[in-house]
Amino acid sequence: MINQKIVHLAKFFPPHKGGIEKITSIFANNNENSKITIIAFSNKFTPNIRKRNLNVIICKTLFESYSQPFSFNYIYQGIKGLLKSDIVHVHAPNILAFMVLLLPFRRKIIVHWHSDIIHYHNFRFIIKPIENLILNKAAKIVCATQNYYESSKILSKYKNKISLIPYGIKKNQNTQNIISNKIKVLVKELRQKKIIISVGRLIKYKGFDKLVEVGNFLSEDCIILIVGNGPLENSLSQKIIKNKLQKKVKILNNISNEDLAFLLKNSNLYCCFSINRQESFGISLIEALMHKLPIYSEEIAGSGVSYVNPNGITGINTKSIDAQRTAIKINKLLSNKEKMKVMSNNAYARYKKLFTEERMLLSFKNLYKDILKN
């Protein structure tokens, strides 16, 4: 029996890569007792998806400005979805989705606050009032960590509406037969190395520049794998060549989820050098925990990174220091087999306790029930 009609106003959806996209796809794939509609943007041709209890509507992006896609079809589909919904689950930041919700229809709204807008550029006087109007209309605002919402200036006025639901993921089963030969060969070539891996879009706030610099000072038995696509690929590649680090640092593009899981499984340490609160949580961090990887991360005031990776338990979470001293810390950690084993076990235990897909979905199921009841 269908209990609820839930419309997700999302940003992008797989095959687009990203943590929020991964979470949105989890909602899409768990729709036994709900009729789910997901409305999302795409920069390329991506077909809609229609199957039992699920309708994914992909709206072609006309243009993108300051990380916000625009599409007339998104507005049209959003209004249609709004009229048919019991609950609207909007994934923020997404100003176009917020503009749809300004319409005077009474619906139960959940704002899933993935991140603050860090840079308003010249549009603060427009965007801020829209954000406040939607947060006032919202029945609940969901954040992944207490650290994040307590440090968010805009959310500080809405503490009575906050629900804390950490992200959750699960392992894909029986994927061994679809791992690419290229990745199998690479892992085999690196079997004598200590593999340090970092995953994300190749953009400034992810801090990959520093990770490349760290390569200058790592032990000879270490190698860094940077997994991702993005606008900084060329400049990072040039930096690797300039520093003669071709044997110490590799960038891997267009990696499938199965290949990524295989790389994480065969790595020794995960690194996160993100530089600001745009890294609100880091889905890739819980992927690392799930694969028993200790994490080396740097403190970001007001981010959830320290919640995912508590210092000294699942890895090291430390103040930012220069590349040379960072490499010394990493070398020391990797050479301490006993400490690495304890952190590896702690990493998996923390994943099982806090960050499973089942736990996240149950929390949202209960939240939906409570909202509809009230």
Protein backbone atom coordinates (compact mmCIF):
# COMPACT_ATOMS: atom_id res chain seq x y z
CA MET A 1 0.00 0.00 0.00
CA ILE A 2 1.29 3.47 -0.89
CA ASN A 3 1.48 5.55 2.30
CA GLN A 4 3.02 8.78 1.05
CA LYS A 5 3.67 10.77 -2.10
CA ILE A 6 7.11 12.32 -1.70
CA VAL A 7 8.65 14.76 -4.15
CA HIS A 8 12.40 15.41 -3.99
CA LEU A 9 13.53 18.73 -5.44
CA ALA A 10 17.15 17.75 -6.04
CA LYS A 11 20.06 19.35 -7.81
CA PHE A 12 21.71 16.59 -9.85
CA PHE A 13 21.16 12.83 -9.99
CA PRO A 14 23.35 9.88 -11.07
CA PRO A 15 25.13 9.37 -13.42
CA HIS A 16 26.32 12.78 -12.16
CA LYS A 17 28.97 12.12 -9.51
CA GLY A 18 28.85 13.54 -6.01
CA GLY A 19 27.90 12.86 -2.42
CA ILE A 20 24.46 14.50 -2.52
CA GLU A 21 23.71 12.68 -5.78
CA LYS A 22 24.59 9.39 -4.06
CA ILE A 23 22.23 10.16 -1.18
CA THR A 24 19.41 11.17 -3.55
CA SER A 25 19.80 7.88 -5.42
CA ILE A 26 19.43 5.99 -2.13
CA PHE A 27 16.01 7.61 -1.63
CA ALA A 28 15.12 6.64 -5.21
CA ASN A 29 16.06 3.00 -4.65
CA ASN A 30 14.13 2.60 -1.42
CA ASN A 31 10.52 3.33 -2.27
CA GLU A 32 8.52 0.27 -1.23
CA ASN A 33 5.85 2.12 0.74
CA SER A 34 6.03 5.54 -0.91
CA LYS A 35 5.49 6.97 -4.35
CA ILE A 36 8.65 8.96 -5.02
CA THR A 37 9.21 11.65 -7.63
CA ILE A 38 12.70 13.10 -8.01
CA ILE A 39 13.17 16.26 -10.06
CA ALA A 40 16.78 17.06 -10.96
CA PHE A 41 18.97 18.98 -13.38
CA SER A 42 21.38 17.58 -15.95
CA ASN A 43 24.08 19.19 -18.08
CA LYS A 44 23.81 16.43 -20.67
CA PHE A 45 21.19 14.11 -22.08
CA THR A 46 20.03 11.78 -19.34
CA PRO A 47 16.81 9.77 -19.74
CA ASN A 48 13.95 9.96 -17.26
CA ILE A 49 13.32 6.90 -15.12
CA ARG A 50 9.86 5.42 -14.67
CA LYS A 51 9.26 2.27 -12.69
CA ARG A 52 7.10 1.02 -9.84
CA ASN A 53 6.57 3.82 -7.32
CA LEU A 54 9.44 5.89 -8.79
CA ASN A 55 9.53 8.71 -11.31
CA VAL A 56 12.85 10.50 -11.92
CA ILE A 57 12.42 13.61 -14.08
CA ILE A 58 15.63 15.03 -15.53
CA CYS A 59 15.49 18.68 -16.63
CA LYS A 60 18.08 19.92 -19.10
CA THR A 61 20.11 22.84 -17.72
CA LEU A 62 19.88 25.95 -19.88
CA PHE A 63 22.78 27.60 -18.09
CA GLU A 64 24.57 27.56 -14.76
CA SER A 65 25.64 30.59 -12.73
CA TYR A 66 27.63 30.46 -9.49
CA SER A 67 26.94 26.72 -9.11
CA GLN A 68 23.17 27.18 -9.53
CA PRO A 69 21.64 25.47 -12.59
CA PHE A 70 18.62 27.04 -14.31
CA SER A 71 15.84 25.32 -16.25
CA PHE A 72 12.29 26.42 -17.11
CA ASN A 73 11.29 22.75 -17.20
CA TYR A 74 12.56 22.34 -13.62
CA ILE A 75 10.17 25.11 -12.49
CA TYR A 76 7.26 23.53 -14.41
CA GLN A 77 7.95 20.01 -13.12
CA GLY A 78 8.53 21.33 -9.61
CA ILE A 79 5.11 23.01 -9.56
CA LYS A 80 3.44 19.82 -10.89
CA GLY A 81 5.22 17.77 -8.27
CA LEU A 82 4.30 20.21 -5.52
CA LEU A 83 0.58 19.95 -6.36
CA LYS A 84 0.65 16.13 -6.22
CA SER A 85 2.78 15.71 -3.10
CA ASP A 86 2.17 14.87 0.55
CA ILE A 87 5.75 15.84 1.44
CA VAL A 88 8.28 17.95 -0.47
CA HIS A 89 11.85 16.98 0.38
CA VAL A 90 14.07 19.77 -0.97
CA HIS A 91 17.85 19.36 -1.13
CA ALA A 92 19.62 22.63 -0.34
CA PRO A 93 21.39 24.67 -1.51
CA ASN A 94 19.15 25.00 -4.57
CA ILE A 95 17.69 28.47 -5.03
CA LEU A 96 15.53 27.51 -8.03
CA ALA A 97 13.85 24.81 -5.93
CA PHE A 98 13.30 27.35 -3.16
CA MET A 99 11.65 29.70 -5.67
CA VAL A 100 9.18 26.94 -6.61
CA LEU A 101 8.34 26.55 -2.92
CA LEU A 102 7.50 30.26 -2.64
CA LEU A 103 4.18 29.50 -4.35
CA PRO A 104 1.25 29.68 -1.88
CA PHE A 105 0.45 25.95 -1.74
CA ARG A 106 0.16 24.32 1.67
CA ARG A 107 2.47 21.33 1.67
CA LYS A 108 4.66 19.63 4.26
CA ILE A 109 8.22 20.74 3.46
CA ILE A 110 11.47 19.14 4.63
CA VAL A 111 14.59 21.16 3.88
CA HIS A 112 17.56 18.80 3.72
CA TRP A 113 20.34 21.28 4.48
CA HIS A 114 23.42 19.74 2.88
CA SER A 115 25.45 22.96 2.98
CA ASP A 116 25.23 26.69 3.53
CA ILE A 117 25.77 28.89 0.51
CA ILE A 118 29.32 29.97 1.30
CA HIS A 119 29.64 32.67 -1.37
CA TYR A 120 26.55 34.77 -2.15
CA HIS A 121 28.58 36.96 -4.55
CA ASN A 122 26.39 39.99 -5.38
CA PHE A 123 23.07 38.24 -4.76
CA ARG A 124 22.89 38.18 -0.95
CA PHE A 125 20.03 40.73 -0.89
CA ILE A 126 17.92 38.36 -3.09
CA ILE A 127 18.97 34.94 -1.82
CA LYS A 128 18.90 35.56 1.94
CA PRO A 129 15.19 36.55 2.05
CA ILE A 130 14.26 33.54 -0.11
CA GLU A 131 16.17 31.18 2.20
CA ASN A 132 14.46 32.64 5.26
CA LEU A 133 10.99 32.42 3.70
CA ILE A 134 11.44 28.71 2.89
CA LEU A 135 12.97 27.90 6.27
CA ASN A 136 9.97 29.61 7.90
CA LYS A 137 7.60 27.44 5.80
CA ALA A 138 9.52 24.21 6.48
CA ALA A 139 8.08 21.64 8.86
CA LYS A 140 11.58 20.32 9.55
CA ILE A 141 15.17 21.15 8.60
CA VAL A 142 17.49 18.16 8.43
CA CYS A 143 21.23 18.49 9.08
CA ALA A 144 23.81 15.72 9.14
CA THR A 145 25.73 16.93 12.20
CA GLN A 146 25.24 19.20 15.19
CA ASN A 147 28.60 20.88 14.46
CA TYR A 148 27.30 22.13 11.15
CA TYR A 149 23.95 23.59 12.14
CA GLU A 150 25.35 25.23 15.30
CA SER A 151 27.93 27.08 13.22
CA SER A 152 25.46 28.11 10.51
CA LYS A 153 24.36 31.74 10.91
CA ILE A 154 21.17 31.27 8.93
CA LEU A 155 20.09 28.09 10.77
CA SER A 156 20.65 29.59 14.22
CA LYS A 157 17.12 31.10 14.14
CA TYR A 158 15.48 27.71 13.43
CA LYS A 159 16.92 25.41 16.10
CA ASN A 160 13.44 24.24 17.10
CA LYS A 161 12.97 22.81 13.58
CA ILE A 162 16.30 20.95 13.33
CA SER A 163 16.43 17.16 13.03
CA LEU A 164 19.87 15.53 13.05
CA ILE A 165 20.12 12.65 10.59
CA PRO A 166 23.65 11.60 9.57
CA TYR A 167 24.16 10.35 6.03
CA GLY A 168 24.23 6.61 5.48
CA ILE A 169 25.45 4.31 2.72
CA LYS A 170 25.88 0.60 2.11
CA LYS A 171 28.32 -1.64 0.31
CA ASN A 172 27.49 -2.86 -3.16
CA GLN A 173 27.51 -6.65 -3.10
CA ASN A 174 29.07 -8.97 -5.70
CA THR A 175 30.79 -6.27 -7.77
CA GLN A 176 34.08 -8.12 -8.30
CA ASN A 177 33.16 -9.22 -11.82
CA ILE A 178 32.52 -5.64 -13.05
CA ILE A 179 35.77 -4.03 -11.86
CA SER A 180 37.64 -2.68 -14.88
CA ASN A 181 40.82 -4.39 -16.00
CA LYS A 182 42.64 -1.02 -15.87
CA ILE A 183 42.01 -0.68 -12.12
CA LYS A 184 42.83 -4.32 -11.41
CA VAL A 185 46.18 -3.88 -13.19
CA LEU A 186 46.90 -0.62 -11.35
CA VAL A 187 46.22 -2.15 -7.92
CA LYS A 188 48.40 -5.12 -8.80
CA GLU A 189 51.25 -2.78 -9.82
CA LEU A 190 50.93 -0.92 -6.52
CA ARG A 191 50.72 -3.97 -4.25
CA GLN A 192 54.09 -3.12 -2.63
CA LYS A 193 53.07 0.51 -2.02
CA LYS A 194 51.19 2.22 0.79
CA ILE A 195 48.24 3.76 -1.04
CA ILE A 196 46.88 7.13 0.11
CA ILE A 197 43.58 7.92 -1.57
CA SER A 198 41.40 11.04 -1.80
CA VAL A 199 38.11 11.36 -3.69
CA GLY A 200 36.14 14.36 -4.90
CA ARG A 201 35.56 16.95 -7.60
CA LEU A 202 38.77 18.63 -8.68
CA ILE A 203 37.81 22.05 -7.38
CA LYS A 204 39.54 24.54 -5.12
CA TYR A 205 37.88 23.91 -1.76
CA LYS A 206 38.80 20.20 -1.83
CA GLY A 207 42.45 21.10 -1.18
CA PHE A 208 44.04 18.78 -3.75
CA ASP A 209 46.79 21.35 -4.37
CA LYS A 210 48.15 20.68 -0.91
CA LEU A 211 47.80 16.93 -1.32
CA VAL A 212 50.05 17.09 -4.39
CA GLU A 213 52.61 19.13 -2.41
CA VAL A 214 52.55 16.49 0.35
CA GLY A 215 53.78 14.02 -2.28
CA ASN A 216 57.16 15.80 -2.27
CA PHE A 217 57.84 14.66 1.28
CA LEU A 218 56.25 11.22 1.55
CA SER A 219 58.27 8.03 1.97
CA GLU A 220 59.27 6.35 -1.29
CA ASP A 221 56.97 3.42 -0.57
CA CYS A 222 53.89 5.70 -0.63
CA ILE A 223 51.70 6.76 -3.53
CA ILE A 224 48.78 9.19 -3.68
CA LEU A 225 45.70 8.43 -5.78
CA ILE A 226 43.39 11.41 -6.46
CA VAL A 227 40.06 10.14 -7.79
CA GLY A 228 37.78 12.62 -9.52
CA ASN A 229 36.97 14.94 -12.40
CA GLY A 230 36.80 18.70 -12.44
CA PRO A 231 38.11 22.04 -13.70
CA LEU A 232 41.43 21.85 -11.83
CA GLU A 233 42.54 18.63 -13.49
CA ASN A 234 44.94 20.36 -15.88
CA SER A 235 46.56 22.60 -13.25
CA LEU A 236 46.97 19.67 -10.84
CA SER A 237 48.50 17.56 -13.62
CA GLN A 238 50.94 20.38 -14.44
CA LYS A 239 51.88 20.67 -10.77
CA ILE A 240 52.59 16.93 -10.62
CA ILE A 241 54.87 17.20 -13.66
CA LYS A 242 56.59 20.37 -12.40
CA ASN A 243 57.41 18.67 -9.11
CA LYS A 244 58.44 15.42 -10.87
CA LEU A 245 55.86 13.46 -8.91
CA GLN A 246 54.52 11.26 -11.71
CA LYS A 247 55.50 8.16 -9.71
CA LYS A 248 54.18 9.51 -6.42
CA VAL A 249 50.83 11.11 -7.39
CA LYS A 250 48.24 9.88 -9.91
CA ILE A 251 44.92 11.41 -10.95
CA LEU A 252 42.25 8.88 -11.91
CA ASN A 253 39.24 10.13 -13.94
CA ASN A 254 35.84 8.67 -14.80
CA ILE A 255 36.02 5.97 -12.15
CA SER A 256 32.91 3.79 -11.69
CA ASN A 257 31.45 3.16 -8.25
CA GLU A 258 32.66 -0.44 -8.44
CA ASP A 259 36.21 0.62 -9.33
CA LEU A 260 36.21 3.19 -6.53
CA ALA A 261 35.11 0.60 -3.98
CA PHE A 262 37.93 -1.69 -5.16
CA LEU A 263 40.48 1.14 -4.82
CA LEU A 264 39.26 2.02 -1.32
CA LYS A 265 39.38 -1.63 -0.28
CA ASN A 266 43.02 -1.85 -1.40
CA SER A 267 44.19 1.49 0.03
CA ASN A 268 45.87 2.19 3.36
CA LEU A 269 44.82 5.73 4.26
CA TYR A 270 42.18 8.26 3.21
CA CYS A 271 43.10 11.98 3.11
CA CYS A 272 40.79 15.00 3.29
CA PHE A 273 42.35 18.47 2.95
CA SER A 274 39.17 20.46 2.26
CA ILE A 275 39.60 24.08 3.25
CA ASN A 276 36.15 25.41 4.23
CA ARG A 277 32.57 24.60 5.27
CA GLN A 278 31.56 23.71 1.72
CA GLU A 279 32.84 20.36 2.96
CA SER A 280 29.89 20.03 5.30
CA PHE A 281 30.30 16.30 5.88
CA GLY A 282 32.03 14.34 3.13
CA ILE A 283 30.20 11.23 1.89
CA SER A 284 33.57 9.91 0.70
CA LEU A 285 34.70 9.93 4.34
CA ILE A 286 32.03 7.45 5.36
CA GLU A 287 32.89 5.37 2.29
CA ALA A 288 36.42 5.25 3.72
CA LEU A 289 35.11 4.16 7.14
CA MET A 290 32.97 1.50 5.46
CA HIS A 291 36.11 0.06 3.83
CA LYS A 292 38.02 0.12 7.15
CA LEU A 293 40.29 2.98 6.08
CA PRO A 294 41.81 5.28 8.72
CA ILE A 295 41.40 8.95 7.75
CA TYR A 296 43.81 11.88 7.87
CA SER A 297 41.78 15.11 7.83
CA GLU A 298 42.28 18.74 8.72
CA GLU A 299 40.02 20.69 11.05
CA ILE A 300 37.37 22.88 9.44
CA ALA A 301 35.56 25.12 11.90
CA GLY A 302 31.85 24.37 11.82
CA SER A 303 32.12 21.36 9.50
CA GLY A 304 30.98 17.81 10.21
CA VAL A 305 34.34 16.30 9.22
CA SER A 306 35.51 16.03 12.84
CA TYR A 307 32.27 14.17 13.68
CA VAL A 308 32.93 11.60 10.98
CA ASN A 309 36.63 11.31 11.86
CA PRO A 310 37.18 11.97 15.59
CA ASN A 311 40.87 12.59 16.23
CA GLY A 312 42.81 9.60 17.55
CA ILE A 313 39.92 7.17 17.09
CA THR A 314 39.25 6.58 13.39
CA GLY A 315 42.30 8.52 12.25
CA ILE A 316 43.90 11.92 12.67
CA ASN A 317 41.92 15.16 12.57
CA THR A 318 44.34 18.01 13.08
CA LYS A 319 44.92 21.72 12.53
CA SER A 320 46.20 22.64 9.10
CA ILE A 321 49.98 22.66 8.87
CA ASP A 322 52.40 22.94 5.95
CA ALA A 323 52.85 20.10 3.44
CA GLN A 324 56.19 18.92 4.83
CA ARG A 325 54.97 18.55 8.43
CA THR A 326 51.78 16.93 7.17
CA ALA A 327 53.83 14.34 5.28
CA ILE A 328 55.89 13.63 8.40
CA LYS A 329 52.68 12.92 10.35
CA ILE A 330 51.35 10.68 7.57
CA ASN A 331 54.63 8.78 7.27
CA LYS A 332 54.67 8.22 11.03
CA LEU A 333 51.08 6.98 11.08
CA LEU A 334 51.54 4.61 8.13
CA SER A 335 54.66 3.10 9.71
CA ASN A 336 52.80 2.29 12.95
CA LYS A 337 51.07 -0.98 12.02
CA GLU A 338 49.48 -1.52 15.42
CA LYS A 339 47.93 1.98 15.49
CA MET A 340 46.72 1.62 11.90
CA LYS A 341 45.02 -1.67 12.74
CA VAL A 342 43.22 -0.19 15.77
CA MET A 343 42.06 2.83 13.73
CA SER A 344 40.95 0.55 10.90
CA ASN A 345 38.76 -1.47 13.27
CA ASN A 346 37.42 1.72 14.87
CA ALA A 347 36.61 3.12 11.43
CA TYR A 348 34.39 0.19 10.52
CA ALA A 349 32.77 0.14 13.97
CA ARG A 350 31.88 3.84 13.64
CA TYR A 351 30.41 3.26 10.19
CA LYS A 352 28.24 0.40 11.51
CA LYS A 353 27.09 2.43 14.50
CA LEU A 354 26.27 5.75 12.80
CA PHE A 355 26.44 5.77 9.01
CA THR A 356 24.57 2.81 7.54
CA GLU A 357 21.96 3.29 4.85
CA GLU A 358 19.39 1.40 6.96
CA ARG A 359 19.84 3.80 9.88
CA MET A 360 19.45 6.89 7.69
CA LEU A 361 16.36 5.57 5.89
CA LEU A 362 14.66 4.54 9.14
CA SER A 363 15.26 8.02 10.56
CA PHE A 364 13.64 9.62 7.50
CA LYS A 365 10.75 7.15 7.55
CA ASN A 366 10.01 8.15 11.15
CA LEU A 367 10.41 11.83 10.31
CA TYR A 368 7.92 11.57 7.42
CA LYS A 369 5.41 9.82 9.71
CA ASP A 370 5.74 12.47 12.40
CA ILE A 371 5.31 15.32 9.93
CA LEU A 372 2.19 13.85 8.36
CA LYS A 373 0.73 13.02 11.77
CA ASN A 374 1.14 16.61 12.93
